[in-house]
N, C-alpha and C. Protein backbone atom coordinates (compact mmCIF):
# COMPACT_ATOMS: atom_id res chain seq x y z
N MET A 1 -39.66 -8.44 -62.99
CA MET A 1 -39.11 -8.03 -61.78
C MET A 1 -40.32 -7.73 -60.99
N ARG A 2 -40.60 -8.69 -60.10
CA ARG A 2 -41.65 -8.69 -58.62
C ARG A 2 -40.77 -8.70 -57.56
N ARG A 3 -41.14 -7.76 -56.84
CA ARG A 3 -40.93 -7.74 -55.45
C ARG A 3 -41.94 -8.93 -54.32
N SER A 4 -43.17 -8.90 -54.52
CA SER A 4 -44.35 -9.31 -54.26
C SER A 4 -45.44 -9.26 -54.88
N GLU A 5 -45.84 -10.62 -55.23
CA GLU A 5 -47.25 -10.72 -56.25
C GLU A 5 -48.18 -9.99 -56.12
N LYS A 6 -48.18 -9.30 -54.51
CA LYS A 6 -49.68 -8.43 -54.59
C LYS A 6 -49.29 -7.25 -54.45
N ASN A 7 -48.12 -6.63 -54.01
CA ASN A 7 -47.52 -5.05 -54.38
C ASN A 7 -46.96 -4.64 -55.28
N TRP A 8 -46.17 -5.38 -56.29
CA TRP A 8 -45.84 -5.02 -57.29
C TRP A 8 -46.12 -5.83 -58.35
N ALA A 9 -46.35 -4.60 -59.79
CA ALA A 9 -46.77 -5.25 -60.64
C ALA A 9 -45.54 -5.51 -62.07
N GLU A 10 -45.83 -6.07 -62.70
CA GLU A 10 -44.84 -6.43 -63.57
C GLU A 10 -44.62 -5.21 -64.48
N PHE A 11 -43.18 -4.74 -64.95
CA PHE A 11 -42.52 -3.50 -65.85
C PHE A 11 -43.87 -3.45 -66.76
N GLU A 12 -43.82 -4.32 -67.52
CA GLU A 12 -44.39 -4.42 -68.40
C GLU A 12 -46.24 -3.77 -68.45
N GLU A 13 -46.88 -4.17 -67.54
CA GLU A 13 -48.34 -3.95 -66.76
C GLU A 13 -48.01 -2.43 -66.61
N ALA A 14 -47.10 -2.25 -65.97
CA ALA A 14 -47.29 -0.67 -65.75
C ALA A 14 -47.27 0.34 -66.84
N SER A 15 -46.48 -0.22 -68.17
CA SER A 15 -46.51 0.73 -69.35
C SER A 15 -47.47 0.44 -70.13
N GLN A 16 -48.37 -0.10 -69.55
CA GLN A 16 -49.80 0.31 -70.66
C GLN A 16 -50.40 1.12 -69.81
N PRO A 17 -51.37 1.79 -71.21
CA PRO A 17 -52.24 2.79 -70.93
C PRO A 17 -53.34 2.65 -69.76
N PHE A 18 -53.65 3.53 -69.27
CA PHE A 18 -54.72 3.44 -67.52
C PHE A 18 -55.83 3.90 -68.53
N LEU A 19 -56.14 4.13 -69.81
CA LEU A 19 -57.75 4.40 -70.13
C LEU A 19 -57.53 3.32 -71.28
N PRO A 20 -58.54 2.63 -71.69
CA PRO A 20 -58.26 1.48 -72.99
C PRO A 20 -58.35 2.45 -74.14
N ALA A 21 -57.78 2.25 -75.27
CA ALA A 21 -58.00 2.70 -76.53
C ALA A 21 -59.16 2.86 -76.71
N GLY A 22 -59.85 3.58 -77.22
CA GLY A 22 -61.38 3.95 -77.92
C GLY A 22 -61.83 4.89 -77.91
N SER A 23 -62.88 5.36 -77.91
CA SER A 23 -63.51 6.85 -78.52
C SER A 23 -63.55 7.75 -77.55
N ASP A 24 -64.14 9.01 -78.13
CA ASP A 24 -63.69 10.06 -77.04
C ASP A 24 -64.99 10.20 -76.10
N GLU A 25 -65.90 9.30 -76.28
CA GLU A 25 -66.95 9.14 -75.27
C GLU A 25 -66.92 8.60 -73.92
N THR A 26 -65.40 7.30 -74.10
CA THR A 26 -65.42 6.33 -73.09
C THR A 26 -64.38 7.20 -72.45
N VAL A 27 -63.65 8.36 -73.04
CA VAL A 27 -62.79 9.20 -71.99
C VAL A 27 -63.82 10.12 -71.42
N ALA A 28 -64.48 10.76 -71.95
CA ALA A 28 -65.28 11.87 -71.09
C ALA A 28 -66.35 10.91 -70.40
N ALA A 29 -66.74 9.52 -70.43
CA ALA A 29 -67.41 9.23 -69.80
C ALA A 29 -66.71 8.90 -67.80
N VAL A 30 -65.52 8.16 -68.29
CA VAL A 30 -64.34 8.10 -67.40
C VAL A 30 -64.35 9.13 -66.67
N ALA A 31 -63.73 10.11 -67.28
CA ALA A 31 -63.41 11.57 -66.64
C ALA A 31 -64.60 11.80 -65.60
N THR A 32 -65.65 11.85 -65.91
CA THR A 32 -67.19 12.36 -65.67
C THR A 32 -67.37 10.88 -64.18
N GLU A 33 -66.91 10.20 -64.60
CA GLU A 33 -67.10 9.24 -63.22
C GLU A 33 -65.82 9.48 -62.09
N LEU A 34 -64.82 9.85 -62.79
CA LEU A 34 -63.88 10.16 -61.77
C LEU A 34 -64.27 10.96 -60.72
N ARG A 35 -64.60 12.72 -61.76
CA ARG A 35 -65.08 13.43 -60.75
C ARG A 35 -66.20 13.21 -60.06
N ASP A 36 -67.16 12.52 -60.17
CA ASP A 36 -68.07 12.15 -58.97
C ASP A 36 -67.55 11.41 -58.11
N ARG A 37 -66.81 10.48 -58.45
CA ARG A 37 -66.66 9.92 -57.48
C ARG A 37 -65.26 10.47 -56.41
N MET A 38 -64.86 11.49 -56.92
CA MET A 38 -63.79 12.49 -56.33
C MET A 38 -64.30 13.10 -55.45
N ALA A 39 -65.78 13.74 -56.07
CA ALA A 39 -66.76 14.94 -55.00
C ALA A 39 -67.04 13.76 -53.77
N LYS A 40 -67.55 12.82 -54.24
CA LYS A 40 -68.22 11.76 -53.07
C LYS A 40 -66.92 11.69 -51.82
N VAL A 41 -65.69 11.46 -52.28
CA VAL A 41 -64.75 11.10 -51.39
C VAL A 41 -64.32 12.14 -50.69
N GLU A 42 -64.28 13.16 -51.42
CA GLU A 42 -64.00 14.77 -50.40
C GLU A 42 -65.29 15.11 -49.52
N GLN A 43 -66.46 14.92 -50.21
CA GLN A 43 -67.57 15.00 -49.08
C GLN A 43 -67.19 14.17 -47.72
N GLN A 44 -67.08 12.78 -47.77
CA GLN A 44 -66.75 12.00 -46.91
C GLN A 44 -65.72 12.48 -46.06
N VAL A 45 -64.48 13.03 -46.47
CA VAL A 45 -63.01 13.30 -46.04
C VAL A 45 -63.77 14.54 -44.96
N LEU A 46 -64.42 15.46 -45.66
CA LEU A 46 -65.31 16.85 -44.80
C LEU A 46 -66.05 16.52 -43.89
N ALA A 47 -66.87 15.36 -44.11
CA ALA A 47 -67.71 15.13 -42.84
C ALA A 47 -66.92 14.10 -41.67
N GLN A 48 -66.20 13.62 -42.35
CA GLN A 48 -65.36 13.12 -41.14
C GLN A 48 -64.65 13.73 -40.28
N TYR A 49 -64.24 14.89 -41.32
CA TYR A 49 -63.00 15.81 -40.25
C TYR A 49 -64.31 16.41 -38.93
N THR A 50 -65.62 17.07 -39.76
CA THR A 50 -66.38 17.82 -39.28
C THR A 50 -66.74 16.48 -38.05
N ALA A 51 -66.58 15.23 -37.98
CA ALA A 51 -67.35 14.56 -36.72
C ALA A 51 -65.91 14.66 -36.05
N THR A 52 -64.85 14.58 -36.53
CA THR A 52 -63.86 14.66 -35.31
C THR A 52 -63.80 16.13 -34.64
N ALA A 53 -64.28 16.82 -35.42
CA ALA A 53 -64.13 18.09 -34.40
C ALA A 53 -65.13 18.12 -33.39
N ALA A 54 -66.33 17.63 -34.06
CA ALA A 54 -67.22 17.35 -33.05
C ALA A 54 -66.86 16.75 -31.64
N TYR A 55 -66.20 15.59 -31.92
CA TYR A 55 -65.86 14.67 -30.97
C TYR A 55 -65.13 15.44 -29.82
N ALA A 56 -64.15 16.08 -30.65
CA ALA A 56 -63.11 17.10 -29.94
C ALA A 56 -63.59 18.14 -29.54
N THR A 57 -64.30 18.48 -29.44
CA THR A 57 -64.93 19.50 -28.57
C THR A 57 -65.92 19.59 -27.77
N LEU A 58 -66.66 18.19 -27.96
CA LEU A 58 -67.32 17.42 -26.72
C LEU A 58 -66.50 17.03 -25.82
N ALA A 59 -65.11 16.27 -26.27
CA ALA A 59 -64.11 15.78 -25.17
C ALA A 59 -63.74 17.32 -24.39
N GLN A 60 -63.48 18.50 -25.03
CA GLN A 60 -62.72 19.20 -24.22
C GLN A 60 -63.92 20.11 -23.54
N GLN A 61 -65.11 20.10 -23.90
CA GLN A 61 -66.29 20.43 -22.71
C GLN A 61 -66.61 19.42 -21.59
N GLY A 62 -65.85 18.38 -22.05
CA GLY A 62 -66.12 17.36 -20.42
C GLY A 62 -64.97 17.55 -19.90
N LEU A 63 -63.97 17.68 -20.34
CA LEU A 63 -62.98 17.96 -19.32
C LEU A 63 -62.59 18.98 -18.70
N ASP A 64 -63.52 20.34 -19.46
CA ASP A 64 -63.70 21.25 -18.45
C ASP A 64 -64.60 21.23 -17.41
N THR A 65 -65.67 20.81 -17.78
CA THR A 65 -66.71 20.30 -16.56
C THR A 65 -65.90 19.22 -15.38
N ALA A 66 -65.54 18.47 -15.83
CA ALA A 66 -64.92 17.40 -14.74
C ALA A 66 -63.57 18.34 -13.92
N ARG A 67 -62.87 19.31 -14.56
CA ARG A 67 -62.02 20.47 -13.78
C ARG A 67 -63.00 20.88 -13.11
N ALA A 68 -64.19 22.01 -13.35
CA ALA A 68 -64.85 21.98 -12.45
C ALA A 68 -65.39 21.82 -11.15
N GLU A 69 -65.91 20.46 -11.79
CA GLU A 69 -66.69 19.72 -10.80
C GLU A 69 -65.37 19.45 -9.81
N SER A 70 -64.03 18.66 -9.91
CA SER A 70 -63.29 18.40 -9.34
C SER A 70 -62.66 19.83 -8.24
N ARG A 71 -62.83 20.81 -9.02
CA ARG A 71 -62.45 22.25 -8.19
C ARG A 71 -63.22 22.50 -7.20
N ASN A 72 -65.00 22.18 -7.56
CA ASN A 72 -65.92 22.48 -6.51
C ASN A 72 -65.45 21.28 -5.47
N ASP A 73 -65.41 20.33 -5.33
CA ASP A 73 -65.36 19.06 -4.69
C ASP A 73 -64.13 19.51 -3.57
N VAL A 74 -63.22 19.94 -4.09
CA VAL A 74 -61.72 20.30 -3.34
C VAL A 74 -62.38 21.80 -2.25
N ASP A 75 -63.08 22.86 -2.80
CA ASP A 75 -63.27 23.82 -2.17
C ASP A 75 -64.14 23.44 -1.13
N ARG A 76 -65.12 22.39 -1.36
CA ARG A 76 -66.11 22.23 -0.54
C ARG A 76 -65.77 21.44 0.56
N ALA A 77 -64.69 20.61 0.62
CA ALA A 77 -63.82 19.58 1.18
C ALA A 77 -62.92 20.62 2.21
N GLN A 78 -62.69 21.83 1.63
CA GLN A 78 -61.53 22.39 2.43
C GLN A 78 -62.87 23.53 3.11
N SER A 79 -63.42 23.84 2.77
CA SER A 79 -64.48 24.87 3.38
C SER A 79 -64.92 24.20 4.66
N THR A 80 -65.19 22.77 4.66
CA THR A 80 -66.08 21.99 5.47
C THR A 80 -64.94 21.50 6.91
N VAL A 81 -63.49 21.75 6.47
CA VAL A 81 -62.03 21.33 7.23
C VAL A 81 -62.08 22.62 8.11
N PHE A 82 -62.29 24.03 7.27
CA PHE A 82 -62.23 24.95 7.77
C PHE A 82 -63.11 25.57 8.82
N GLY A 83 -64.53 25.12 8.56
CA GLY A 83 -65.45 25.23 9.14
C GLY A 83 -65.57 24.76 10.65
N LEU A 84 -65.15 23.20 10.52
CA LEU A 84 -64.56 22.21 11.81
C LEU A 84 -63.98 22.89 12.95
N LEU A 85 -62.41 22.96 12.27
CA LEU A 85 -61.51 24.01 12.67
C LEU A 85 -62.07 24.94 13.74
N ASP A 86 -63.05 25.97 13.15
CA ASP A 86 -63.81 27.46 13.34
C ASP A 86 -64.46 26.61 15.06
N ARG A 87 -64.73 25.60 14.57
CA ARG A 87 -66.40 25.16 15.50
C ARG A 87 -65.49 24.73 16.37
N LEU A 88 -64.41 24.13 16.45
CA LEU A 88 -63.47 23.68 17.41
C LEU A 88 -62.74 24.89 18.41
N ARG A 89 -62.34 25.49 17.73
CA ARG A 89 -61.77 26.82 18.50
C ARG A 89 -62.80 27.38 19.08
N THR A 90 -63.72 27.48 18.69
CA THR A 90 -64.97 28.61 19.40
C THR A 90 -65.16 27.52 20.70
N ASP A 91 -65.09 26.40 20.72
CA ASP A 91 -65.67 25.59 21.44
C ASP A 91 -64.64 25.44 23.08
N ILE A 92 -63.32 25.57 22.28
CA ILE A 92 -62.25 25.64 23.37
C ILE A 92 -62.08 26.77 24.05
N THR A 93 -62.62 28.13 23.55
CA THR A 93 -62.44 28.96 23.92
C THR A 93 -63.65 29.35 24.95
N ASN A 94 -64.56 29.33 24.20
CA ASN A 94 -65.69 29.16 25.13
C ASN A 94 -65.63 28.23 26.65
N ARG A 95 -65.08 27.05 26.42
CA ARG A 95 -64.97 26.41 27.89
C ARG A 95 -63.55 26.98 28.54
N LEU A 96 -62.76 27.14 27.94
CA LEU A 96 -62.11 27.93 28.83
C LEU A 96 -62.17 29.32 29.56
N GLU A 97 -63.03 30.18 28.73
CA GLU A 97 -63.51 31.21 29.57
C GLU A 97 -64.48 30.82 30.49
N ALA A 98 -65.31 29.62 30.19
CA ALA A 98 -66.24 29.61 31.24
C ALA A 98 -65.77 28.83 32.58
N LEU A 99 -64.20 28.49 32.54
CA LEU A 99 -63.40 27.69 33.75
C LEU A 99 -62.85 29.08 34.62
N GLU A 100 -62.71 29.99 33.58
CA GLU A 100 -61.69 31.15 34.29
C GLU A 100 -62.94 31.98 34.93
N ASN A 101 -64.14 31.86 34.59
CA ASN A 101 -65.52 33.12 35.20
C ASN A 101 -66.32 32.19 36.01
N ARG A 102 -65.88 30.97 36.40
CA ARG A 102 -66.37 30.10 37.20
C ARG A 102 -66.03 30.66 38.91
N PRO A 103 -67.06 30.82 39.21
CA PRO A 103 -67.00 31.31 41.00
C PRO A 103 -66.32 30.09 41.33
N GLU A 104 -65.51 30.32 42.36
CA GLU A 104 -64.74 29.67 43.43
C GLU A 104 -65.16 29.35 44.63
N SER A 105 -66.39 28.95 45.23
CA SER A 105 -66.75 28.71 46.17
C SER A 105 -65.98 28.34 47.56
N ARG A 106 -65.25 27.20 47.10
CA ARG A 106 -63.99 27.12 48.26
C ARG A 106 -63.15 28.34 48.16
N ALA A 107 -62.52 28.47 47.51
CA ALA A 107 -61.32 29.83 47.53
C ALA A 107 -62.11 31.06 48.30
N ASN A 108 -63.43 31.22 48.20
CA ASN A 108 -64.08 32.36 48.66
C ASN A 108 -64.03 32.05 50.10
N ALA A 109 -64.32 30.71 50.73
CA ALA A 109 -64.62 30.27 52.19
C ALA A 109 -62.90 30.51 52.91
N LEU A 110 -62.06 30.21 52.06
CA LEU A 110 -61.09 29.87 52.68
C LEU A 110 -59.80 31.06 52.30
N ILE A 111 -60.37 32.52 52.17
CA ILE A 111 -59.62 33.28 51.55
C ILE A 111 -58.78 33.55 52.58
N GLY A 112 -58.88 33.45 53.80
CA GLY A 112 -57.84 33.71 54.82
C GLY A 112 -56.81 32.75 55.15
N ASP A 113 -56.81 31.03 54.87
CA ASP A 113 -56.16 30.13 54.93
C ASP A 113 -55.35 30.06 53.79
N SER A 114 -53.69 29.96 53.65
CA SER A 114 -53.16 29.98 52.65
C SER A 114 -53.10 28.35 51.78
N SER A 115 -53.51 27.41 52.99
CA SER A 115 -53.80 26.08 52.56
C SER A 115 -55.01 25.97 51.94
N GLY A 116 -55.62 26.80 51.60
CA GLY A 116 -56.81 27.22 51.26
C GLY A 116 -56.91 27.36 49.90
N LYS A 117 -56.16 28.52 49.81
CA LYS A 117 -55.74 28.92 48.15
C LYS A 117 -55.15 27.78 47.31
N VAL A 118 -54.13 27.15 48.45
CA VAL A 118 -53.53 25.99 47.51
C VAL A 118 -54.35 24.96 46.98
N ALA A 119 -55.25 24.70 47.91
CA ALA A 119 -56.49 23.74 47.44
C ALA A 119 -57.24 24.41 46.47
N ALA A 120 -57.82 25.57 46.52
CA ALA A 120 -58.58 26.46 45.43
C ALA A 120 -57.73 25.80 44.27
N LEU A 121 -56.35 26.53 44.23
CA LEU A 121 -55.28 26.21 42.94
C LEU A 121 -55.33 25.33 42.58
N GLU A 122 -55.56 24.00 43.37
CA GLU A 122 -55.24 22.75 42.78
C GLU A 122 -56.94 22.32 42.20
N GLU A 123 -57.96 22.58 42.49
CA GLU A 123 -59.03 22.34 42.02
C GLU A 123 -58.87 22.82 40.74
N ARG A 124 -58.65 24.12 40.38
CA ARG A 124 -58.70 24.61 39.31
C ARG A 124 -57.64 24.24 38.35
N MET A 125 -56.64 23.68 38.95
CA MET A 125 -55.92 23.27 37.74
C MET A 125 -56.35 21.56 37.63
N LYS A 126 -57.18 21.16 38.68
CA LYS A 126 -57.58 19.54 38.05
C LYS A 126 -58.73 19.85 37.07
N ALA A 127 -59.16 21.19 37.32
CA ALA A 127 -60.57 21.50 36.19
C ALA A 127 -59.74 21.57 35.10
N LEU A 128 -58.98 22.52 34.65
CA LEU A 128 -58.25 23.01 33.70
C LEU A 128 -57.58 21.57 33.24
N VAL A 129 -57.17 20.50 33.60
CA VAL A 129 -56.65 19.26 33.14
C VAL A 129 -57.76 18.64 32.59
N VAL A 130 -59.11 18.44 33.32
CA VAL A 130 -59.98 18.25 32.94
C VAL A 130 -60.38 18.14 31.49
N ALA A 131 -60.40 19.87 31.69
CA ALA A 131 -60.85 20.15 30.07
C ALA A 131 -60.07 20.56 29.20
N LEU A 132 -58.59 20.46 29.34
CA LEU A 132 -57.56 20.18 28.65
C LEU A 132 -57.41 18.74 27.52
N GLU A 133 -57.88 17.62 28.56
CA GLU A 133 -57.95 16.26 28.40
C GLU A 133 -59.28 16.19 27.37
N GLY A 134 -60.60 16.75 27.22
CA GLY A 134 -61.62 16.84 26.61
C GLY A 134 -60.97 17.25 25.99
N CYS A 135 -60.33 18.25 25.48
CA CYS A 135 -60.15 19.11 24.20
C CYS A 135 -59.22 18.33 23.53
N VAL A 136 -58.60 17.63 24.29
CA VAL A 136 -57.44 16.65 23.55
C VAL A 136 -58.29 15.54 22.64
N GLN A 137 -59.12 14.77 23.83
CA GLN A 137 -59.82 13.80 22.74
C GLN A 137 -60.92 14.28 21.69
N GLU A 138 -61.30 15.54 21.98
CA GLU A 138 -62.17 16.13 20.58
C GLU A 138 -61.28 16.49 19.50
N ASN A 139 -60.36 16.96 19.89
CA ASN A 139 -59.31 17.24 18.45
C ASN A 139 -58.91 15.75 18.06
N PHE A 140 -58.87 14.62 18.60
CA PHE A 140 -58.52 13.27 18.46
C PHE A 140 -59.66 12.82 17.32
N ALA A 141 -60.76 13.05 17.92
CA ALA A 141 -61.44 12.75 17.34
C ALA A 141 -61.83 13.36 15.70
N LEU A 142 -61.90 14.69 15.97
CA LEU A 142 -62.05 15.80 14.73
C LEU A 142 -60.29 15.23 13.88
N ARG A 143 -59.61 14.99 14.00
CA ARG A 143 -58.31 14.32 13.41
C ARG A 143 -58.44 13.05 12.88
N GLN A 144 -59.51 12.18 13.41
CA GLN A 144 -59.48 10.80 12.78
C GLN A 144 -60.94 11.57 11.81
N GLN A 145 -61.83 12.20 11.98
CA GLN A 145 -63.24 12.44 11.00
C GLN A 145 -62.48 13.08 9.94
N VAL A 146 -61.52 13.72 10.09
CA VAL A 146 -60.52 14.16 8.82
C VAL A 146 -60.07 13.44 7.81
N ASP A 147 -59.05 12.78 8.30
CA ASP A 147 -58.26 11.69 7.90
C ASP A 147 -59.31 10.89 7.28
N GLU A 148 -60.45 10.30 7.95
CA GLU A 148 -61.54 9.74 7.30
C GLU A 148 -62.00 10.29 5.90
N LEU A 149 -62.30 11.69 6.07
CA LEU A 149 -62.73 12.35 4.73
C LEU A 149 -61.71 12.50 3.89
N LEU A 150 -60.61 12.72 4.36
CA LEU A 150 -59.69 12.70 3.36
C LEU A 150 -59.30 10.97 2.20
N GLN A 151 -59.25 10.27 3.11
CA GLN A 151 -59.21 9.01 2.93
C GLN A 151 -60.17 8.68 1.98
N ARG A 152 -61.48 9.32 1.96
CA ARG A 152 -62.67 8.53 1.38
C ARG A 152 -62.53 9.30 0.21
N GLN A 153 -61.98 11.00 0.19
CA GLN A 153 -61.93 11.88 -1.22
C GLN A 153 -60.65 11.32 -1.96
N ASN A 154 -60.04 10.67 -1.44
CA ASN A 154 -58.97 10.32 -2.25
C ASN A 154 -59.08 9.12 -2.91
N GLU A 155 -59.89 8.19 -2.35
CA GLU A 155 -60.54 7.08 -3.16
C GLU A 155 -61.12 7.48 -4.17
N GLN A 156 -62.08 8.27 -3.86
CA GLN A 156 -62.95 8.57 -5.02
C GLN A 156 -62.55 9.18 -5.80
N ASP A 157 -61.25 9.90 -5.75
CA ASP A 157 -60.59 10.78 -7.34
C ASP A 157 -59.74 9.52 -7.78
N GLY A 158 -59.52 8.34 -7.37
CA GLY A 158 -58.78 7.04 -7.93
C GLY A 158 -57.46 7.30 -7.45
N TRP A 159 -57.01 7.84 -5.99
CA TRP A 159 -55.84 7.84 -5.27
C TRP A 159 -55.80 6.46 -4.44
N LEU A 160 -54.42 6.19 -4.35
CA LEU A 160 -54.19 5.19 -2.98
C LEU A 160 -53.17 5.23 -2.28
N VAL A 161 -53.12 5.03 -0.94
CA VAL A 161 -52.20 5.57 -0.05
C VAL A 161 -51.15 4.17 -0.39
N SER A 162 -49.78 4.23 -0.91
CA SER A 162 -48.94 3.19 -0.86
C SER A 162 -48.52 2.39 0.22
N SER A 163 -48.43 3.77 1.00
CA SER A 163 -47.51 3.27 2.50
C SER A 163 -48.07 3.68 3.70
N GLY A 164 -49.30 3.90 3.40
CA GLY A 164 -49.97 4.35 4.93
C GLY A 164 -49.91 5.71 5.03
N SER A 165 -49.10 6.74 4.32
CA SER A 165 -49.07 8.13 4.76
C SER A 165 -50.06 8.62 3.40
N ILE A 166 -50.62 10.04 3.71
CA ILE A 166 -50.96 10.32 2.61
C ILE A 166 -50.08 11.47 1.70
N SER A 167 -49.08 11.19 2.26
CA SER A 167 -48.27 11.98 1.28
C SER A 167 -47.51 11.34 0.47
N GLU A 168 -47.72 10.13 0.63
CA GLU A 168 -47.22 9.31 -0.78
C GLU A 168 -48.22 8.56 -1.68
N LEU A 169 -48.86 9.11 -2.38
CA LEU A 169 -50.16 8.72 -2.65
C LEU A 169 -49.68 8.14 -4.75
N THR A 170 -50.40 7.22 -4.83
CA THR A 170 -50.32 6.82 -6.34
C THR A 170 -51.52 6.52 -7.11
N LEU A 171 -51.49 7.06 -8.12
CA LEU A 171 -52.97 7.05 -8.95
C LEU A 171 -52.92 5.33 -9.50
N ARG A 172 -54.45 5.09 -9.22
CA ARG A 172 -54.54 3.70 -9.50
C ARG A 172 -54.34 3.27 -11.31
């Protein structure tokens, strides 16, 4: 009654005693040897368990470190962006104040003439347009720098932009 020659023994072989018939000394020696082997197996299992627990602890510490580093990277990038925005806001405010406080020599010379007032107003509007265009160009340059910074950071973190927009990111 065999299923496979490697896995199943004959029924008659299974009914034979485990220990050979003999003296009590043979049984005691086999029991001692089994006890010693069992102690060795128990030590090996405990050592394997301890090693596995140590590896799990090291992995958890590595994960915590990686999380902390990534959080610090995000905080640094965020503070850089906020700093750049504050600097841009300050520059724009300073330029607008300088334009408003600028002495208008043509307007003072032609104060009685209404065409002089219109000319002074046109000159002031031109200066404001030039300042606004400069501000827009600086804003565009800043936007490009921020986009490049985000793109570089996303590539370093393992993210790819699938269809050109940062809002649709996929993990490599």
